[in-house]
Amino acid sequence: MAVVLTKSSWCDVLKVALVSLRRSKIKNGLWCRYFGQPVPKTHPHLLKEGQVTPGITEDEYRRRRIALFRNALQQRKSGAPKDMIFIFPSASKVFMSYDIPYTFRQNTEFLYLCGFLEPDSLLLIFNNPNDGNPYADPKSVLFVPPKNPERELWDGPCSGVEGTLSFTGIDAAYTVDELESFLYEYKKNHSRYTVWYNFNKPVQKKIHDRFLTRFIQESRNCNFEITDKLVQNLRLIKSEDEIELMKNSVDIASESLVKVMEFSQPGINESMLVAKMDYECRTRGAQYLAYPPVVAGGNRANTVHYVNNNQIVNDGELVLMDAGCELHGYTSDLTRTWPVSGTFSKVQEEVYNAVLRCQELCLKMCRKTFSLDDIYTEMLAILGCELKALGLIESSLSGSKLMATARKFCPHHVGHYLGMDVHDTPSVSRRIHLEPGMIVTIEPGIYIPETNMMVPAEFRGIGIRIEDNVLITNSSPVILSSNCPKRVEDIEDIMNSNRR
């Protein structure tokens, strides 16, 4: 007769198993299943020894924390305390309905500094109060959810304190419940200090309300700083390992977009193109799409962030797809526009080539001597000339009037920084000169809605954008998305390769 285990019985079994596994010093096998994220022993196909997340090592995470601390010391205002404590909460799970979570995505700043992937955690970085040297390397402590056999039965394992220490390279780890006493001891040992924490827009409301509000209120005679710019200035310049991850993410998106082009045909629903992109990215190793993609047929391409993706793309229409993927925390962001029938019309080709010429000139400007704002200004000037050549605006326009008119046909910027987030490092100005290690998007467009009665009828309803991802180097820019064709003849070859 079979024994039926109740929920509490299962929990008891799991508790016994966990205790047994902790006591046995198994370094391989079952114990390796009891982590809240992939580690080298459990996922050797994803991580090498010494890596906390795929492609990024313990040493790199440690260097990031040290760089953060030293940059903060350099920016310290005269008279400000030398002792500093940085507070970085993780993200929390967000639920779409009762007990049904959205896909979890870790808070980017937290992830950048420690690589820990579990929700409801917190990272502290601070001076060691016992070494007497405020310029020494900082200490780092993670506060993590405790092991909970009953919860793990339903949601899978979490790393706990022991597991966290075994793979993160963090100096110490405690349960989240111990945060209050830790902060109390910190206050007791420091009379004045600077708290670096985004208290005006807390990432983790539960921990903020339970622990951090009181700590901030009781930190009298202390300085308070926001972490955004400090962390984002570090994230702006990618390491060699980050660049490799970015290249892989862009390669996946580029290959997948080609497959979507091949798959498309007149009468297809935009949602099917979304599904195809998602499928192709995931089968190549991406975790998910980096953002809700824009798949806009015909006149819908003139809505810059059209994401309904629920209409039919008719014969003779162009489809604009703006999509990318996320690979181990690093994103891609591409846009291509193509004729769903397989062949550009004469007018479509004229507008398309105008955008392409503009984009190629902008790509050449992706060098240390220019900023994104510089390239944007040049984009407007080039588009203005192209629009005149197409007969879409008055040929007599020049200077600021020409650029203002061009802006009506392309209302968005030429590009943005790209990295762990799609619109990466938003606190960093686009006025600064580009530097080696930055990755940016270049994405001019021409948008002519059906309602624009100022242009010839044959141009109305055409919306075109072309977007590439670009690595800035000491010499020429590297177009990471060069594997995704964008010339008219190449696109038409792809579209018609399976129709011959």
Protein backbone atom coordinates (compact mmCIF):
# COMPACT_ATOMS: atom_id res chain seq x y z
CA MET A 1 0.00 0.00 0.00
CA ALA A 2 1.39 3.40 -1.00
CA VAL A 3 2.08 5.95 1.72
CA VAL A 4 0.52 9.34 0.99
CA LEU A 5 2.67 12.19 2.29
CA THR A 6 0.94 15.36 3.40
CA LYS A 7 2.42 18.81 2.79
CA SER A 8 3.86 18.85 6.33
CA SER A 9 5.30 15.35 5.86
CA TRP A 10 7.08 16.45 2.70
CA CYS A 11 8.51 19.40 4.58
CA ASP A 12 9.83 17.10 7.31
CA VAL A 13 11.44 14.87 4.70
CA LEU A 14 13.07 17.86 3.03
CA LYS A 15 14.32 19.23 6.36
CA VAL A 16 16.00 15.92 7.14
CA ALA A 17 17.53 15.82 3.67
CA LEU A 18 18.91 19.34 3.97
CA VAL A 19 20.41 18.72 7.41
CA SER A 20 21.97 15.49 6.18
CA LEU A 21 23.44 17.22 3.15
CA ARG A 22 24.91 20.02 5.24
CA ARG A 23 26.56 17.59 7.63
CA SER A 24 28.01 15.48 4.88
CA LYS A 25 30.78 17.30 3.10
CA ILE A 26 29.63 16.35 -0.35
CA LYS A 27 31.27 18.62 -2.86
CA ASN A 28 29.63 17.08 -5.89
CA GLY A 29 26.28 15.46 -6.54
CA LEU A 30 23.13 16.19 -4.57
CA TRP A 31 24.45 19.09 -2.47
CA CYS A 32 25.04 21.07 -5.63
CA ARG A 33 21.31 21.14 -6.29
CA TYR A 34 20.75 23.27 -3.21
CA PHE A 35 21.70 26.67 -4.57
CA GLY A 36 19.33 29.42 -5.59
CA GLN A 37 21.15 30.05 -8.86
CA PRO A 38 23.46 28.23 -11.28
CA VAL A 39 26.99 27.64 -9.97
CA PRO A 40 29.94 25.94 -11.71
CA LYS A 41 29.31 22.52 -10.13
CA THR A 42 25.60 22.45 -10.93
CA HIS A 43 25.78 24.12 -14.35
CA PRO A 44 29.23 23.45 -15.84
CA HIS A 45 27.77 24.13 -19.29
CA LEU A 46 27.11 27.74 -18.22
CA LEU A 47 29.84 28.67 -15.75
CA LYS A 48 33.56 28.04 -15.37
CA GLU A 49 35.20 27.65 -11.97
CA GLY A 50 35.54 31.02 -10.26
CA GLN A 51 32.55 32.56 -12.02
CA VAL A 52 29.61 33.85 -9.99
CA THR A 53 27.42 34.41 -13.04
CA PRO A 54 28.16 33.16 -16.57
CA GLY A 55 31.15 35.07 -17.90
CA ILE A 56 31.81 37.17 -14.78
CA THR A 57 34.24 36.03 -12.06
CA GLU A 58 34.44 36.58 -8.32
CA ASP A 59 37.48 38.78 -8.95
CA GLU A 60 35.61 41.04 -11.34
CA TYR A 61 32.75 41.52 -8.90
CA ARG A 62 35.28 42.32 -6.16
CA ARG A 63 37.06 44.85 -8.41
CA ARG A 64 33.74 46.55 -9.10
CA ARG A 65 33.03 46.97 -5.39
CA ILE A 66 36.51 48.34 -4.76
CA ALA A 67 36.24 50.76 -7.70
CA LEU A 68 32.86 51.96 -6.44
CA PHE A 69 34.28 52.67 -3.00
CA ARG A 70 37.41 54.44 -4.24
CA ASN A 71 35.44 56.60 -6.67
CA ALA A 72 33.18 57.64 -3.81
CA LEU A 73 36.19 58.58 -1.68
CA GLN A 74 37.57 60.69 -4.53
CA GLN A 75 34.24 62.51 -4.85
CA ARG A 76 33.99 63.08 -1.11
CA LYS A 77 33.23 66.69 -0.29
CA SER A 78 35.50 68.62 2.02
CA GLY A 79 34.62 67.91 5.62
CA ALA A 80 32.49 64.90 4.79
CA PRO A 81 33.13 61.76 6.86
CA LYS A 82 35.57 59.22 5.47
CA ASP A 83 33.53 56.30 6.76
CA MET A 84 30.90 55.24 4.23
CA ILE A 85 28.26 52.57 3.96
CA PHE A 86 26.59 51.61 0.68
CA ILE A 87 23.18 49.96 0.69
CA PHE A 88 22.00 48.03 -2.38
CA PRO A 89 18.75 46.07 -2.08
CA SER A 90 17.88 43.32 -4.53
CA ALA A 91 14.61 43.24 -6.40
CA SER A 92 11.54 41.50 -5.00
CA LYS A 93 9.21 39.13 -6.74
CA VAL A 94 6.28 40.90 -8.37
CA PHE A 95 2.98 39.07 -8.79
CA MET A 96 0.59 39.43 -11.72
CA SER A 97 -2.21 37.80 -9.71
CA TYR A 98 -2.58 35.74 -6.56
CA ASP A 99 0.47 33.45 -6.23
CA ILE A 100 1.39 33.91 -9.92
CA PRO A 101 4.70 35.78 -10.27
CA TYR A 102 6.06 37.74 -13.18
CA THR A 103 9.43 36.56 -14.46
CA PHE A 104 11.94 37.71 -11.86
CA ARG A 105 14.63 40.16 -12.95
CA GLN A 106 17.30 41.19 -10.49
CA ASN A 107 17.92 44.85 -9.65
CA THR A 108 20.72 45.89 -12.01
CA GLU A 109 22.92 47.78 -9.54
CA PHE A 110 22.73 44.95 -7.01
CA LEU A 111 23.50 42.37 -9.71
CA TYR A 112 26.43 44.42 -11.07
CA LEU A 113 28.12 44.52 -7.67
CA CYS A 114 27.70 40.95 -6.42
CA GLY A 115 26.08 38.64 -9.00
CA PHE A 116 23.56 37.25 -6.50
CA LEU A 117 20.31 36.35 -8.26
CA GLU A 118 17.85 35.75 -5.43
CA PRO A 119 15.08 38.20 -4.48
CA ASP A 120 14.58 39.87 -1.09
CA SER A 121 18.29 40.26 -0.36
CA LEU A 122 20.59 43.18 0.40
CA LEU A 123 24.25 44.08 -0.14
CA LEU A 124 26.23 46.32 2.22
CA ILE A 125 29.66 47.73 1.32
CA PHE A 126 31.53 49.67 4.02
CA ASN A 127 34.85 50.53 5.66
CA ASN A 128 36.25 48.05 8.10
CA PRO A 129 35.96 49.88 11.44
CA ASN A 130 38.87 47.92 12.92
CA ASP A 131 41.62 48.55 10.37
CA GLY A 132 41.93 52.30 11.02
CA ASN A 133 42.48 53.01 7.33
CA PRO A 134 39.48 54.50 5.49
CA TYR A 135 41.28 53.98 2.16
CA ALA A 136 41.66 50.22 2.59
CA ASP A 137 39.55 47.91 0.44
CA PRO A 138 35.97 47.83 1.68
CA LYS A 139 34.16 44.90 3.22
CA SER A 140 31.06 43.44 1.62
CA VAL A 141 28.20 41.64 3.33
CA LEU A 142 25.13 39.97 1.83
CA PHE A 143 21.88 39.54 3.72
CA VAL A 144 19.92 36.72 2.14
CA PRO A 145 16.69 34.77 2.66
CA PRO A 146 17.16 31.93 5.15
CA LYS A 147 16.87 28.30 4.14
CA ASN A 148 13.21 27.34 4.41
CA PRO A 149 12.39 23.72 3.52
CA GLU A 150 8.66 24.36 3.28
CA ARG A 151 9.09 27.33 0.92
CA GLU A 152 11.76 25.52 -1.09
CA LEU A 153 9.43 22.60 -1.62
CA TRP A 154 7.26 24.90 -3.72
CA ASP A 155 9.66 27.48 -5.16
CA GLY A 156 12.93 25.58 -5.42
CA PRO A 157 16.14 25.96 -3.44
CA CYS A 158 17.65 29.13 -2.08
CA SER A 159 21.35 29.39 -1.29
CA GLY A 160 21.12 30.42 2.35
CA VAL A 161 24.09 31.82 4.25
CA GLU A 162 26.42 28.85 3.70
CA GLY A 163 25.64 28.49 0.02
CA THR A 164 26.02 32.22 -0.60
CA LEU A 165 29.49 32.30 0.94
CA SER A 166 30.57 29.29 -1.12
CA PHE A 167 30.35 30.94 -4.54
CA THR A 168 30.00 34.75 -4.35
CA GLY A 169 33.38 35.81 -2.96
CA ILE A 170 31.56 38.05 -0.46
CA ASP A 171 33.31 38.66 2.88
CA ALA A 172 30.34 37.65 5.04
CA ALA A 173 26.70 36.63 4.79
CA TYR A 174 23.76 36.69 7.19
CA THR A 175 20.05 36.16 6.97
CA VAL A 176 17.89 39.20 6.22
CA ASP A 177 16.45 38.97 9.73
CA GLU A 178 19.91 39.82 11.11
CA LEU A 179 20.13 43.11 9.20
CA GLU A 180 18.64 45.20 12.00
CA SER A 181 21.20 44.11 14.59
CA PHE A 182 24.03 44.53 12.06
CA LEU A 183 23.01 48.12 11.32
CA TYR A 184 22.69 48.80 15.05
CA GLU A 185 26.28 47.64 15.60
CA TYR A 186 27.45 49.73 12.66
CA LYS A 187 25.89 52.88 14.16
CA LYS A 188 27.43 52.10 17.53
CA ASN A 189 30.93 51.88 16.03
CA HIS A 190 30.68 54.97 13.81
CA SER A 191 29.89 58.46 15.06
CA ARG A 192 29.79 60.03 11.58
CA TYR A 193 29.48 58.37 8.20
CA THR A 194 28.01 58.81 4.73
CA VAL A 195 25.06 56.65 3.75
CA TRP A 196 24.91 55.88 0.02
CA TYR A 197 21.39 54.69 -0.68
CA ASN A 198 18.55 55.54 -3.06
CA PHE A 199 16.15 56.29 -0.23
CA ASN A 200 13.97 58.53 -2.43
CA LYS A 201 13.04 55.61 -4.73
CA PRO A 202 13.55 52.39 -2.78
CA VAL A 203 13.89 49.24 -4.86
CA GLN A 204 12.83 46.90 -2.08
CA LYS A 205 9.92 48.32 -0.12
CA LYS A 206 9.71 45.47 2.39
CA ILE A 207 13.32 45.80 3.56
CA HIS A 208 13.17 49.59 3.26
CA ASP A 209 10.16 49.88 5.54
CA ARG A 210 11.27 47.20 7.99
CA PHE A 211 14.93 48.13 8.47
CA LEU A 212 16.28 51.01 6.42
CA THR A 213 13.85 53.81 7.25
CA ARG A 214 14.73 53.58 10.93
CA PHE A 215 18.47 53.32 10.21
CA ILE A 216 18.35 56.48 8.10
CA GLN A 217 16.27 58.37 10.66
CA GLU A 218 18.66 57.44 13.47
CA SER A 219 21.80 58.27 11.45
CA ARG A 220 22.05 61.80 12.83
CA ASN A 221 24.90 64.12 11.82
CA CYS A 222 25.52 61.91 8.80
CA ASN A 223 25.70 62.61 5.09
CA PHE A 224 23.37 61.06 2.54
CA GLU A 225 24.16 60.43 -1.10
CA ILE A 226 22.35 58.76 -4.02
CA THR A 227 24.11 55.80 -5.66
CA ASP A 228 22.76 56.13 -9.23
CA LYS A 229 25.50 58.18 -10.90
CA LEU A 230 28.30 56.52 -8.98
CA VAL A 231 27.35 53.00 -10.07
CA GLN A 232 26.28 53.97 -13.56
CA ASN A 233 29.58 55.70 -14.29
CA LEU A 234 31.25 52.36 -13.55
CA ARG A 235 28.77 50.40 -15.65
CA LEU A 236 29.23 52.75 -18.60
CA ILE A 237 32.66 51.32 -19.48
CA LYS A 238 32.47 47.59 -20.12
CA SER A 239 35.20 45.13 -19.13
CA GLU A 240 36.53 42.58 -21.61
CA ASP A 241 34.28 39.91 -20.12
CA GLU A 242 31.25 42.20 -20.35
CA ILE A 243 32.06 43.02 -23.97
CA GLU A 244 32.17 39.31 -24.75
CA LEU A 245 28.74 38.81 -23.18
CA MET A 246 27.39 41.80 -25.09
CA LYS A 247 28.78 40.42 -28.36
CA ASN A 248 27.08 37.10 -27.69
CA SER A 249 23.78 38.79 -26.82
CA VAL A 250 23.87 40.87 -30.01
CA ASP A 251 24.85 37.83 -32.11
CA ILE A 252 21.83 35.92 -30.80
CA ALA A 253 19.49 38.81 -31.57
CA SER A 254 21.02 39.32 -35.03
CA GLU A 255 20.69 35.66 -36.02
CA SER A 256 17.17 35.52 -34.63
CA LEU A 257 16.04 38.61 -36.52
CA VAL A 258 17.21 37.04 -39.78
CA LYS A 259 15.09 33.99 -38.98
CA VAL A 260 12.10 36.25 -38.34
CA MET A 261 12.61 37.91 -41.73
CA GLU A 262 12.68 34.50 -43.42
CA PHE A 263 9.53 33.48 -41.54
CA SER A 264 7.46 36.54 -42.40
CA GLN A 265 4.97 36.64 -45.26
CA PRO A 266 1.93 38.67 -46.31
CA GLY A 267 -1.06 38.16 -44.04
CA ILE A 268 1.00 37.17 -40.99
CA ASN A 269 -0.03 38.39 -37.55
CA GLU A 270 2.49 40.62 -35.78
CA SER A 271 2.18 38.39 -32.72
CA MET A 272 3.58 35.44 -34.67
CA LEU A 273 6.71 37.46 -35.44
CA VAL A 274 7.06 38.22 -31.71
CA ALA A 275 6.76 34.50 -30.93
CA LYS A 276 9.31 33.61 -33.60
CA MET A 277 11.83 36.12 -32.23
CA ASP A 278 11.33 34.85 -28.69
CA TYR A 279 11.74 31.24 -29.80
CA GLU A 280 14.87 31.88 -31.86
CA CYS A 281 16.54 33.87 -29.07
CA ARG A 282 15.81 31.26 -26.41
CA THR A 283 17.00 28.34 -28.54
CA ARG A 284 20.32 30.18 -28.90
CA GLY A 285 20.74 30.52 -25.15
CA ALA A 286 19.08 33.82 -24.23
CA GLN A 287 16.97 33.83 -21.08
CA TYR A 288 14.23 36.03 -22.55
CA LEU A 289 13.58 39.06 -24.75
CA ALA A 290 15.14 42.21 -23.35
CA TYR A 291 11.94 44.27 -23.63
CA PRO A 292 8.47 44.07 -25.19
CA PRO A 293 9.35 44.13 -28.89
CA VAL A 294 7.95 46.54 -31.43
CA VAL A 295 6.52 44.62 -34.39
CA ALA A 296 4.73 47.22 -36.45
CA GLY A 297 3.26 46.60 -39.88
CA GLY A 298 2.48 49.45 -42.26
CA ASN A 299 1.36 52.74 -40.73
CA ARG A 300 1.73 51.35 -37.19
CA ALA A 301 5.50 51.77 -37.58
CA ASN A 302 4.89 55.50 -37.11
CA THR A 303 4.10 54.85 -33.46
CA VAL A 304 7.67 54.72 -32.14
CA HIS A 305 6.93 52.37 -29.23
CA TYR A 306 4.04 50.38 -30.71
CA VAL A 307 3.86 47.16 -28.67
CA ASN A 308 0.29 45.93 -29.19
CA ASN A 309 1.63 43.60 -31.90
CA ASN A 310 -1.81 42.23 -32.73
CA GLN A 311 -2.54 43.29 -36.30
CA ILE A 312 -2.16 41.62 -39.70
CA VAL A 313 0.75 42.74 -41.90
CA ASN A 314 -0.69 43.07 -45.38
CA ASP A 315 0.91 42.45 -48.74
CA GLY A 316 2.88 45.51 -49.84
CA GLU A 317 3.48 46.77 -46.29
CA LEU A 318 6.77 47.13 -44.48
CA VAL A 319 7.22 45.63 -41.03
CA LEU A 320 9.43 47.38 -38.48
CA MET A 321 10.82 45.15 -35.73
CA ASP A 322 12.65 46.59 -32.72
CA ALA A 323 13.76 43.69 -30.52
CA GLY A 324 16.63 42.28 -28.51
CA CYS A 325 17.40 39.62 -25.96
CA GLU A 326 18.93 39.31 -22.51
CA LEU A 327 21.83 36.91 -22.05
CA HIS A 328 23.09 36.37 -18.49
CA GLY A 329 22.23 39.95 -17.56
CA TYR A 330 23.39 41.68 -20.76
CA THR A 331 21.05 43.04 -23.42
CA SER A 332 20.89 43.68 -27.15
CA ASP A 333 18.65 46.15 -28.99
CA LEU A 334 18.26 45.98 -32.78
CA THR A 335 15.81 47.36 -35.33
CA ARG A 336 15.29 46.26 -38.90
CA THR A 337 12.58 47.20 -41.39
CA TRP A 338 11.67 44.94 -44.30
CA PRO A 339 8.93 44.34 -46.90
CA VAL A 340 6.70 41.49 -45.83
CA SER A 341 6.18 40.59 -49.50
CA GLY A 342 9.92 40.20 -50.05
CA THR A 343 10.43 43.22 -52.30
CA PHE A 344 10.61 46.95 -51.54
CA SER A 345 8.45 49.22 -53.66
CA LYS A 346 10.26 52.10 -55.39
CA VAL A 347 9.10 54.66 -52.82
CA GLN A 348 9.80 52.35 -49.87
CA GLU A 349 13.31 51.75 -51.18
CA GLU A 350 13.94 55.48 -51.60
CA VAL A 351 12.96 56.25 -48.01
CA TYR A 352 14.78 53.18 -46.69
CA ASN A 353 18.04 54.11 -48.40
CA ALA A 354 17.75 57.66 -47.08
CA VAL A 355 17.62 56.28 -43.53
CA LEU A 356 20.43 53.82 -44.26
CA ARG A 357 22.74 56.54 -45.64
CA CYS A 358 22.05 58.64 -42.56
CA GLN A 359 22.74 55.72 -40.24
CA GLU A 360 26.01 54.78 -41.92
CA LEU A 361 27.30 58.35 -41.59
CA CYS A 362 26.27 58.41 -37.93
CA LEU A 363 28.03 55.09 -37.31
CA LYS A 364 31.30 56.59 -38.56
CA MET A 365 31.02 59.27 -35.88
CA CYS A 366 31.07 56.69 -33.06
CA ARG A 367 34.53 57.75 -31.92
CA LYS A 368 36.17 59.37 -28.92
CA THR A 369 35.89 62.88 -30.37
CA PHE A 370 32.08 62.88 -30.43
CA SER A 371 29.18 62.52 -28.00
CA LEU A 372 25.78 60.99 -28.65
CA ASP A 373 24.37 64.52 -28.67
CA ASP A 374 26.92 65.49 -31.35
CA ILE A 375 25.83 62.52 -33.46
CA TYR A 376 22.17 63.41 -32.90
CA THR A 377 22.75 66.94 -34.18
CA GLU A 378 24.46 65.54 -37.26
CA MET A 379 21.64 63.02 -37.74
CA LEU A 380 19.08 65.83 -37.95
CA ALA A 381 21.20 67.71 -40.48
CA ILE A 382 21.64 64.60 -42.65
CA LEU A 383 17.96 63.67 -42.44
CA GLY A 384 17.05 67.22 -43.40
CA CYS A 385 19.10 66.93 -46.58
CA GLU A 386 17.64 63.49 -47.35
CA LEU A 387 14.09 64.74 -46.83
CA LYS A 388 14.72 67.60 -49.25
CA ALA A 389 16.11 65.16 -51.82
CA LEU A 390 12.97 63.02 -51.44
CA GLY A 391 10.80 66.07 -52.01
CA LEU A 392 9.15 65.74 -48.61
CA ILE A 393 10.10 69.22 -47.34
CA GLU A 394 10.89 72.59 -48.87
CA SER A 395 14.24 72.72 -50.64
CA SER A 396 14.90 76.25 -49.33
CA LEU A 397 15.05 75.19 -45.67
CA SER A 398 18.43 75.43 -43.93
CA GLY A 399 20.05 75.75 -40.51
CA SER A 400 17.86 75.54 -37.44
CA LYS A 401 14.63 75.51 -39.49
CA LEU A 402 15.85 72.50 -41.46
CA MET A 403 16.76 70.63 -38.26
CA ALA A 404 13.45 71.51 -36.60
CA THR A 405 11.60 70.16 -39.64
CA ALA A 406 13.73 66.99 -39.66
CA ARG A 407 12.81 66.48 -36.00
CA LYS A 408 9.15 66.24 -37.01
CA PHE A 409 10.04 63.22 -39.18
CA CYS A 410 12.28 61.66 -36.47
CA PRO A 411 11.12 62.69 -32.99
CA HIS A 412 13.58 60.54 -31.02
CA HIS A 413 17.30 60.74 -30.25
CA VAL A 414 19.90 59.03 -32.42
CA GLY A 415 20.70 56.47 -29.72
CA HIS A 416 21.42 55.57 -26.13
CA TYR A 417 23.88 53.64 -23.98
CA LEU A 418 23.43 49.87 -23.91
CA GLY A 419 24.51 47.25 -21.39
CA MET A 420 22.84 45.37 -18.55
CA ASP A 421 19.75 47.48 -19.20
CA VAL A 422 18.40 48.37 -22.62
CA HIS A 423 18.29 52.10 -21.88
CA ASP A 424 21.46 51.72 -19.86
CA THR A 425 22.96 54.16 -17.36
CA PRO A 426 20.21 56.82 -17.73
CA SER A 427 21.91 59.13 -15.21
CA VAL A 428 24.88 59.54 -17.57
CA SER A 429 24.57 62.51 -19.90
CA ARG A 430 24.59 62.01 -23.65
CA ARG A 431 26.71 65.16 -23.85
CA ILE A 432 29.92 63.45 -22.72
CA HIS A 433 32.42 62.24 -25.31
CA LEU A 434 32.31 58.56 -26.17
CA GLU A 435 35.06 56.43 -24.65
CA PRO A 436 36.51 52.99 -25.43
CA GLY A 437 34.44 50.31 -23.73
CA MET A 438 31.12 52.09 -24.14
CA ILE A 439 28.40 50.39 -26.15
CA VAL A 440 25.72 52.51 -27.80
CA THR A 441 22.83 52.20 -30.22
CA ILE A 442 22.57 54.21 -33.43
CA GLU A 443 18.98 54.28 -34.68
CA PRO A 444 17.81 57.05 -37.02
CA GLY A 445 14.39 56.81 -38.60
CA ILE A 446 11.93 58.52 -40.89
CA TYR A 447 8.25 58.39 -39.90
CA ILE A 448 5.49 59.52 -42.26
CA PRO A 449 2.04 58.81 -40.78
CA GLU A 450 -0.99 58.42 -42.99
CA THR A 451 -2.33 61.67 -41.58
CA ASN A 452 0.58 63.74 -42.93
CA MET A 453 -1.11 65.62 -45.77
CA MET A 454 1.99 67.75 -46.41
CA VAL A 455 3.75 64.98 -48.34
CA PRO A 456 2.86 63.18 -51.59
CA ALA A 457 0.31 60.39 -51.08
CA GLU A 458 2.67 57.58 -52.06
CA PHE A 459 4.89 58.34 -49.03
CA ARG A 460 2.14 58.29 -46.43
CA GLY A 461 2.08 55.36 -44.01
CA ILE A 462 5.79 54.57 -44.34
CA GLY A 463 7.79 54.24 -41.11
CA ILE A 464 11.41 53.09 -41.15
CA ARG A 465 14.08 52.73 -38.47
CA ILE A 466 17.45 51.00 -38.65
CA GLU A 467 19.31 50.30 -35.40
CA ASP A 468 22.71 48.79 -34.71
CA ASN A 469 24.72 48.17 -31.53
CA VAL A 470 28.18 49.73 -31.55
CA LEU A 471 31.29 49.17 -29.42
CA ILE A 472 33.50 52.24 -29.02
CA THR A 473 37.23 51.52 -29.32
CA ASN A 474 40.47 53.49 -29.54
CA SER A 475 40.17 53.40 -33.32
CA SER A 476 37.22 52.56 -35.55
CA PRO A 477 33.82 51.64 -34.09
CA VAL A 478 32.91 47.95 -34.02
CA ILE A 479 29.40 47.24 -35.29
CA LEU A 480 28.40 44.32 -33.06
CA SER A 481 25.23 43.72 -35.08
CA SER A 482 26.94 43.61 -38.48
CA ASN A 483 25.71 40.01 -38.92
CA CYS A 484 22.15 41.30 -39.28
CA PRO A 485 21.77 42.44 -42.92
CA LYS A 486 20.37 45.88 -43.64
CA ARG A 487 21.06 46.64 -47.30
CA VAL A 488 18.05 46.43 -49.60
CA GLU A 489 19.47 43.67 -51.81
CA ASP A 490 20.57 41.58 -48.81
CA ILE A 491 17.17 41.86 -47.14
CA GLU A 492 15.37 40.91 -50.34
CA ASP A 493 17.69 37.91 -50.79
CA ILE A 494 16.83 36.70 -47.27
CA MET A 495 13.12 37.24 -47.79
CA ASN A 496 13.07 35.36 -51.07
CA SER A 497 15.57 32.58 -50.28
CA ASN A 498 12.82 30.21 -49.10
CA ARG A 499 10.35 31.22 -51.81
CA ARG A 500 12.32 30.25 -54.90
